[in-house]
Amino acid sequence: MKRIFSRILLGLGAAVLAGLLVYFSGWLLSFRFGGKAEIPETVALSLPAEPLAVGAPVPGELRFDLPLCRSVTGASVKPGAGSVAAGGARIEPGSWKFLRRNWRVVFDLRALRAGKVEPGTLTLELSGENPETVVRTIPGFSAAVPKEIAPGKLELAGAIEIARPLPWGWVAAGAVLILVLAGIAAWLVRRRRPPEPTLRERLEEALRQLRMGLAAGELTPEQGYITLTDLVRGYLEERYGIPVSTRTTPEFLAEVNGADSPLPRPERPFLREFLEAADKVKFAALTPDIELLDGAIASAVRLVAATSPVESEAGAEKAEEEGRND
């Protein structure tokens, strides 16, 4: 299941990266081959077929293309005399075709009086290598007072806000991109996280620390022998599931020497000698010889190498060589 999930994340990530690569390639090429801005001279107004009523909305729209390297950073409406802008202009980036992108600027006018409304202007701020300000004409129009409203009784709000729908397409695309990138980041973090040390690695590190403690004089030979015994017992208990800590040495040796014992036969004599010597150190106050302790540690290294769950030939030879050197 994890592998399938990883493949899905990789596929989505590759698709997103490919799309970004195409987009930024077009963005770079548009500096040279994108052409000029194609902006109509006059804004288009949506006027009804019948006479326009005073106060009725007059939607305005300006559609144009820009090179991908340019964008509309601002837009403002200056209505002609006799009209008012209901809210500000709304900038809507549209689809893109490699080197160019479609843009749409929309706004809403209201007539304040009956009769002719003068033309206004729409000002655009364009970004790019050479930023510029572009002014386009908003055509004039005529309005009349509706017949059902008595003269002098018409009341208009100063400025009516245009309802601006959320760009759900961009929101969904951004959410998908964030999820994909978060999934890829989590997958990379898991891959870079170092694996948990194996039982063999943990014991070998503990034996290395034991040697260092003995060499530095932080442990006496007696303490070293007792620590080594606990390490070997804990290793065998975890490796084979034998409850070493709750059994005496004779009980444990009887079990590991049985017919169904998982312990390799060549390691059994060392284990017997080692545990019996450890008992003498613990219970008979026998002072262990430092050379014998070094030999016991080296034998413990060979025991781990011989009983490790997964051991390559090269690793076994290396462990054996380390034991001989010790």
Protein backbone atom coordinates (compact mmCIF):
# COMPACT_ATOMS: atom_id res chain seq x y z
CA MET A 1 0.00 0.00 0.00
CA LYS A 2 2.84 2.39 0.87
CA ARG A 3 4.50 1.60 -2.47
CA ILE A 4 1.28 2.38 -4.37
CA PHE A 5 0.86 5.62 -2.43
CA SER A 6 4.47 6.56 -3.16
CA ARG A 7 3.97 5.90 -6.86
CA ILE A 8 0.81 8.02 -6.91
CA LEU A 9 2.63 10.87 -5.19
CA LEU A 10 5.54 10.57 -7.61
CA GLY A 11 3.16 10.60 -10.58
CA LEU A 12 1.31 13.66 -9.33
CA GLY A 13 4.56 15.38 -8.49
CA ALA A 14 5.97 14.63 -11.93
CA ALA A 15 2.82 16.01 -13.59
CA VAL A 16 2.95 19.19 -11.50
CA LEU A 17 6.65 19.66 -12.18
CA ALA A 18 6.13 19.07 -15.90
CA GLY A 19 3.37 21.69 -15.96
CA LEU A 20 5.54 24.17 -14.09
CA LEU A 21 8.43 23.47 -16.46
CA VAL A 22 6.25 24.15 -19.51
CA TYR A 23 4.84 27.31 -17.90
CA PHE A 24 8.22 28.79 -16.97
CA SER A 25 9.68 27.82 -20.35
CA GLY A 26 6.89 29.79 -22.03
CA TRP A 27 7.41 32.63 -19.58
CA LEU A 28 11.11 32.86 -20.46
CA LEU A 29 10.52 32.59 -24.21
CA SER A 30 7.76 35.21 -24.08
CA PHE A 31 10.38 37.89 -23.34
CA ARG A 32 11.65 37.43 -26.89
CA PHE A 33 8.84 35.82 -28.88
CA GLY A 34 5.72 36.77 -26.94
CA GLY A 35 4.83 39.72 -29.18
CA LYS A 36 3.17 42.95 -28.12
CA ALA A 37 0.16 43.59 -25.92
CA GLU A 38 -3.08 43.37 -27.93
CA ILE A 39 -5.53 45.60 -26.08
CA PRO A 40 -8.68 46.94 -27.82
CA GLU A 41 -9.03 50.70 -27.89
CA THR A 42 -12.61 50.67 -26.59
CA VAL A 43 -14.21 48.88 -23.65
CA ALA A 44 -17.26 46.74 -24.48
CA LEU A 45 -20.49 47.62 -22.61
CA SER A 46 -23.45 45.25 -22.24
CA LEU A 47 -26.46 47.50 -22.96
CA PRO A 48 -30.05 46.18 -23.09
CA ALA A 49 -32.09 46.28 -26.30
CA GLU A 50 -34.73 48.53 -24.70
CA PRO A 51 -33.89 51.95 -23.24
CA LEU A 52 -31.61 51.67 -20.21
CA ALA A 53 -33.24 52.64 -16.92
CA VAL A 54 -31.47 55.08 -14.60
CA GLY A 55 -29.74 53.10 -11.86
CA ALA A 56 -29.70 49.85 -13.86
CA PRO A 57 -26.32 48.05 -14.01
CA VAL A 58 -24.19 48.53 -17.11
CA PRO A 59 -21.52 45.80 -17.15
CA GLY A 60 -18.27 46.73 -18.84
CA GLU A 61 -15.62 44.32 -20.05
CA LEU A 62 -12.21 44.53 -21.70
CA ARG A 63 -10.61 41.35 -23.04
CA PHE A 64 -7.05 41.25 -24.33
CA ASP A 65 -3.89 39.15 -24.64
CA LEU A 66 -0.50 39.79 -23.08
CA PRO A 67 2.84 38.02 -23.39
CA LEU A 68 3.25 35.52 -20.56
CA CYS A 69 6.04 37.63 -19.06
CA ARG A 70 3.63 40.54 -18.51
CA SER A 71 0.62 40.93 -16.27
CA VAL A 72 -2.00 43.43 -15.17
CA THR A 73 -1.05 44.79 -11.76
CA GLY A 74 -3.81 47.36 -11.43
CA ALA A 75 -6.99 48.69 -13.04
CA SER A 76 -9.11 51.75 -12.25
CA VAL A 77 -12.34 53.10 -13.70
CA LYS A 78 -13.10 56.78 -14.22
CA PRO A 79 -16.79 56.99 -15.13
CA GLY A 80 -18.04 59.68 -17.46
CA ALA A 81 -20.21 62.55 -16.25
CA GLY A 82 -23.68 61.34 -15.31
CA SER A 83 -22.57 57.87 -14.12
CA VAL A 84 -20.90 56.21 -11.17
CA ALA A 85 -18.74 53.08 -10.87
CA ALA A 86 -20.30 50.44 -8.66
CA GLY A 87 -17.22 49.12 -6.91
CA GLY A 88 -13.80 48.87 -8.48
CA ALA A 89 -12.53 47.06 -11.53
CA ARG A 90 -11.91 43.34 -11.24
CA ILE A 91 -8.87 41.76 -12.91
CA GLU A 92 -9.33 38.15 -14.03
CA PRO A 93 -6.38 36.27 -15.54
CA GLY A 94 -7.56 33.69 -18.04
CA SER A 95 -6.12 30.72 -19.87
CA TRP A 96 -2.60 30.74 -21.29
CA LYS A 97 -1.19 29.29 -24.49
CA PHE A 98 2.52 28.77 -23.91
CA LEU A 99 3.73 32.31 -24.79
CA ARG A 100 0.59 34.38 -24.11
CA ARG A 101 -2.22 34.67 -21.60
CA ASN A 102 -5.78 35.98 -21.83
CA TRP A 103 -6.86 38.73 -19.44
CA ARG A 104 -10.27 40.13 -18.59
CA VAL A 105 -11.06 43.35 -16.72
CA VAL A 106 -14.70 43.84 -15.69
CA PHE A 107 -16.59 46.57 -13.86
CA ASP A 108 -20.12 47.91 -13.38
CA LEU A 109 -21.53 51.39 -14.09
CA ARG A 110 -24.80 53.04 -13.01
CA ALA A 111 -26.43 56.00 -14.68
CA LEU A 112 -27.19 58.82 -12.25
CA ARG A 113 -29.49 60.80 -14.49
CA ALA A 114 -31.70 60.55 -17.52
CA GLY A 115 -30.20 61.48 -20.84
CA LYS A 116 -26.73 61.07 -22.25
CA VAL A 117 -23.88 59.76 -20.11
CA GLU A 118 -20.43 60.93 -21.17
CA PRO A 119 -17.62 58.47 -22.07
CA GLY A 120 -15.22 57.45 -19.31
CA THR A 121 -11.80 55.79 -19.16
CA LEU A 122 -10.32 52.52 -17.95
CA THR A 123 -6.67 52.71 -16.85
CA LEU A 124 -4.51 49.59 -16.79
CA GLU A 125 -1.14 49.16 -15.10
CA LEU A 126 0.98 46.59 -16.95
CA SER A 127 4.08 44.97 -15.50
CA GLY A 128 7.02 43.62 -17.44
CA GLU A 129 10.50 44.58 -18.49
CA ASN A 130 9.14 48.02 -19.42
CA PRO A 131 6.09 48.73 -17.20
CA GLU A 132 3.50 50.99 -18.78
CA THR A 133 0.13 52.59 -18.20
CA VAL A 134 -2.57 52.00 -20.81
CA VAL A 135 -5.77 54.08 -21.00
CA ARG A 136 -8.81 52.81 -22.88
CA THR A 137 -12.14 54.54 -23.58
CA ILE A 138 -15.44 53.55 -21.97
CA PRO A 139 -18.19 54.44 -24.47
CA GLY A 140 -20.97 56.81 -23.47
CA PHE A 141 -24.60 55.69 -23.32
CA SER A 142 -28.09 57.00 -22.64
CA ALA A 143 -30.50 56.31 -19.80
CA ALA A 144 -34.13 57.09 -19.09
CA VAL A 145 -36.30 57.21 -15.99
CA PRO A 146 -38.55 54.13 -15.79
CA LYS A 147 -42.24 54.88 -16.39
CA GLU A 148 -43.32 53.22 -13.13
CA ILE A 149 -41.18 55.61 -11.06
CA ALA A 150 -42.47 59.14 -10.61
CA PRO A 151 -40.05 61.94 -11.51
CA GLY A 152 -38.02 63.13 -8.56
CA LYS A 153 -38.60 59.93 -6.56
CA LEU A 154 -35.59 57.92 -7.81
CA GLU A 155 -32.94 57.26 -5.15
CA LEU A 156 -29.51 55.86 -6.00
CA ALA A 157 -26.81 54.50 -3.78
CA GLY A 158 -23.49 56.24 -4.17
CA ALA A 159 -21.51 53.12 -5.06
CA ILE A 160 -22.84 49.58 -5.22
CA GLU A 161 -20.33 46.80 -4.57
CA ILE A 162 -20.02 44.15 -7.24
CA ALA A 163 -20.29 40.60 -5.94
CA ARG A 164 -16.95 38.98 -6.64
CA PRO A 165 -17.13 35.20 -6.78
CA LEU A 166 -14.18 33.34 -5.39
CA PRO A 167 -11.85 31.88 -8.05
CA TRP A 168 -12.67 28.31 -7.08
CA GLY A 169 -10.61 26.87 -9.93
CA TRP A 170 -7.45 28.53 -8.69
CA VAL A 171 -8.28 27.66 -5.08
CA ALA A 172 -8.72 23.97 -5.97
CA ALA A 173 -5.54 23.93 -8.07
CA GLY A 174 -3.58 25.56 -5.23
CA ALA A 175 -4.96 23.06 -2.69
CA VAL A 176 -4.02 20.11 -4.92
CA LEU A 177 -0.54 21.55 -5.47
CA ILE A 178 -0.05 22.05 -1.71
CA LEU A 179 -1.19 18.49 -0.97
CA VAL A 180 1.10 17.04 -3.65
CA LEU A 181 4.11 19.04 -2.47
CA ALA A 182 3.37 18.14 1.17
CA GLY A 183 3.12 14.46 0.23
CA ILE A 184 6.39 14.58 -1.70
CA ALA A 185 8.10 16.40 1.17
CA ALA A 186 6.85 13.82 3.69
CA TRP A 187 7.97 10.97 1.43
CA LEU A 188 11.43 12.51 1.02
CA VAL A 189 11.73 13.04 4.78
CA ARG A 190 10.84 9.39 5.39
CA ARG A 191 13.39 8.26 2.81
CA ARG A 192 16.13 10.43 4.27
CA ARG A 193 15.39 9.37 7.83
CA PRO A 194 18.13 6.97 8.92
CA PRO A 195 16.88 3.41 9.50
CA GLU A 196 16.55 2.09 13.01
CA PRO A 197 19.71 0.23 14.08
CA THR A 198 19.45 -3.56 14.02
CA LEU A 199 19.86 -5.74 17.07
CA ARG A 200 23.40 -6.59 15.96
CA GLU A 201 24.30 -2.94 15.42
CA ARG A 202 22.98 -1.99 18.83
CA LEU A 203 24.98 -4.70 20.57
CA GLU A 204 28.16 -3.95 18.62
CA GLU A 205 27.84 -0.29 19.61
CA ALA A 206 27.33 -1.29 23.26
CA LEU A 207 30.44 -3.49 23.11
CA ARG A 208 32.41 -0.61 21.61
CA GLN A 209 31.28 1.66 24.45
CA LEU A 210 32.26 -1.05 26.95
CA ARG A 211 35.78 -1.23 25.49
CA MET A 212 36.09 2.55 25.66
CA GLY A 213 34.94 2.61 29.28
CA LEU A 214 37.47 -0.05 30.24
CA ALA A 215 40.29 1.72 28.38
CA ALA A 216 39.46 5.05 30.06
CA GLY A 217 39.33 3.46 33.50
CA GLU A 218 35.66 4.33 33.94
CA LEU A 219 34.84 0.65 34.56
CA THR A 220 36.71 -1.94 36.61
CA PRO A 221 37.25 -5.39 35.07
CA GLU A 222 34.60 -6.78 37.45
CA GLN A 223 32.07 -4.17 36.32
CA GLY A 224 33.07 -4.79 32.70
CA TYR A 225 32.46 -8.52 33.02
CA ILE A 226 29.06 -8.01 34.64
CA THR A 227 28.08 -5.46 31.96
CA LEU A 228 29.24 -7.83 29.21
CA THR A 229 27.17 -10.64 30.72
CA ASP A 230 24.05 -8.48 30.79
CA LEU A 231 24.60 -7.44 27.17
CA VAL A 232 25.01 -11.02 25.93
CA ARG A 233 22.02 -12.24 27.93
CA GLY A 234 19.85 -9.40 26.63
CA TYR A 235 20.97 -10.07 23.06
CA LEU A 236 20.12 -13.79 23.25
CA GLU A 237 16.77 -13.05 24.89
CA GLU A 238 15.78 -10.61 22.14
CA ARG A 239 17.31 -12.70 19.34
CA TYR A 240 15.77 -16.08 20.26
CA GLY A 241 12.96 -15.18 22.65
CA ILE A 242 14.56 -17.11 25.51
CA PRO A 243 13.74 -15.50 28.89
CA VAL A 244 17.37 -15.31 30.00
CA SER A 245 16.84 -12.77 32.75
CA THR A 246 14.42 -15.02 34.68
CA ARG A 247 16.55 -18.18 34.56
CA THR A 248 19.66 -19.34 36.27
CA THR A 249 22.77 -20.15 34.28
CA PRO A 250 22.25 -23.96 34.52
CA GLU A 251 18.59 -23.61 33.42
CA PHE A 252 19.54 -21.41 30.50
CA LEU A 253 22.41 -23.68 29.38
CA ALA A 254 20.15 -26.71 29.57
CA GLU A 255 17.72 -25.04 27.20
CA VAL A 256 20.26 -23.78 24.66
CA ASN A 257 21.94 -27.21 24.59
CA GLY A 258 18.68 -29.00 23.88
CA ALA A 259 17.85 -30.72 20.61
CA ASP A 260 15.59 -27.91 19.44
CA SER A 261 17.89 -25.08 20.54
CA PRO A 262 18.20 -22.24 17.95
CA LEU A 263 21.76 -21.43 19.07
CA PRO A 264 24.45 -22.74 16.65
CA ARG A 265 26.44 -25.65 18.12
CA PRO A 266 29.88 -24.03 17.61
CA GLU A 267 28.84 -21.16 19.89
CA ARG A 268 27.54 -23.28 22.77
CA PRO A 269 30.94 -24.08 24.40
CA PHE A 270 31.87 -20.38 24.50
CA LEU A 271 28.51 -19.51 26.00
CA ARG A 272 28.91 -22.13 28.75
CA GLU A 273 32.42 -20.96 29.66
CA PHE A 274 31.40 -17.33 29.49
CA LEU A 275 28.34 -17.63 31.71
CA GLU A 276 30.06 -19.85 34.26
CA ALA A 277 32.96 -17.38 34.46
CA ALA A 278 30.48 -14.54 34.87
CA ASP A 279 28.82 -16.34 37.78
CA LYS A 280 32.18 -16.69 39.48
CA VAL A 281 32.78 -12.95 39.09
CA LYS A 282 29.32 -12.10 40.43
CA PHE A 283 28.92 -14.60 43.24
CA ALA A 284 32.44 -15.78 44.15
CA ALA A 285 34.07 -12.33 43.98
CA LEU A 286 36.61 -13.67 41.49
CA THR A 287 38.72 -10.90 39.95
CA PRO A 288 38.70 -11.39 36.16
CA ASP A 289 41.93 -11.12 34.25
CA ILE A 290 41.87 -8.16 31.85
CA GLU A 291 43.19 -10.35 29.02
CA LEU A 292 40.42 -12.88 29.62
CA LEU A 293 37.89 -10.02 29.60
CA ASP A 294 39.24 -8.77 26.25
CA GLY A 295 38.97 -12.29 24.90
CA ALA A 296 35.40 -12.57 26.18
CA ILE A 297 34.45 -9.34 24.42
CA ALA A 298 36.03 -10.58 21.17
CA SER A 299 34.14 -13.87 21.54
CA ALA A 300 30.92 -11.93 22.10
CA VAL A 301 31.54 -10.10 18.82
CA ARG A 302 31.96 -13.45 17.03
CA LEU A 303 28.83 -14.79 18.72
CA VAL A 304 26.80 -11.86 17.39
CA ALA A 305 28.27 -12.30 13.90
CA ALA A 306 27.42 -16.01 13.90
CA THR A 307 23.86 -15.58 15.18
CA SER A 308 22.84 -12.39 13.38
CA PRO A 309 19.47 -12.85 11.58
CA VAL A 310 20.70 -11.44 8.26
CA GLU A 311 24.40 -11.67 7.55
CA SER A 312 26.16 -11.45 4.22
CA GLU A 313 29.33 -13.42 3.57
CA ALA A 314 31.36 -10.22 3.35
CA GLY A 315 29.90 -9.00 6.63
CA ALA A 316 30.60 -12.32 8.36
CA GLU A 317 34.20 -12.32 7.15
CA LYS A 318 34.61 -8.73 8.35
CA ALA A 319 33.20 -9.57 11.80
CA GLU A 320 35.42 -12.62 12.05
CA GLU A 321 38.46 -10.55 11.10
CA GLU A 322 37.52 -7.95 13.75
CA GLY A 323 37.24 -10.71 16.34
CA ARG A 324 40.69 -12.05 15.47
CA ASN A 325 42.20 -8.55 15.64
CA ASP A 326 40.64 -8.03 19.04
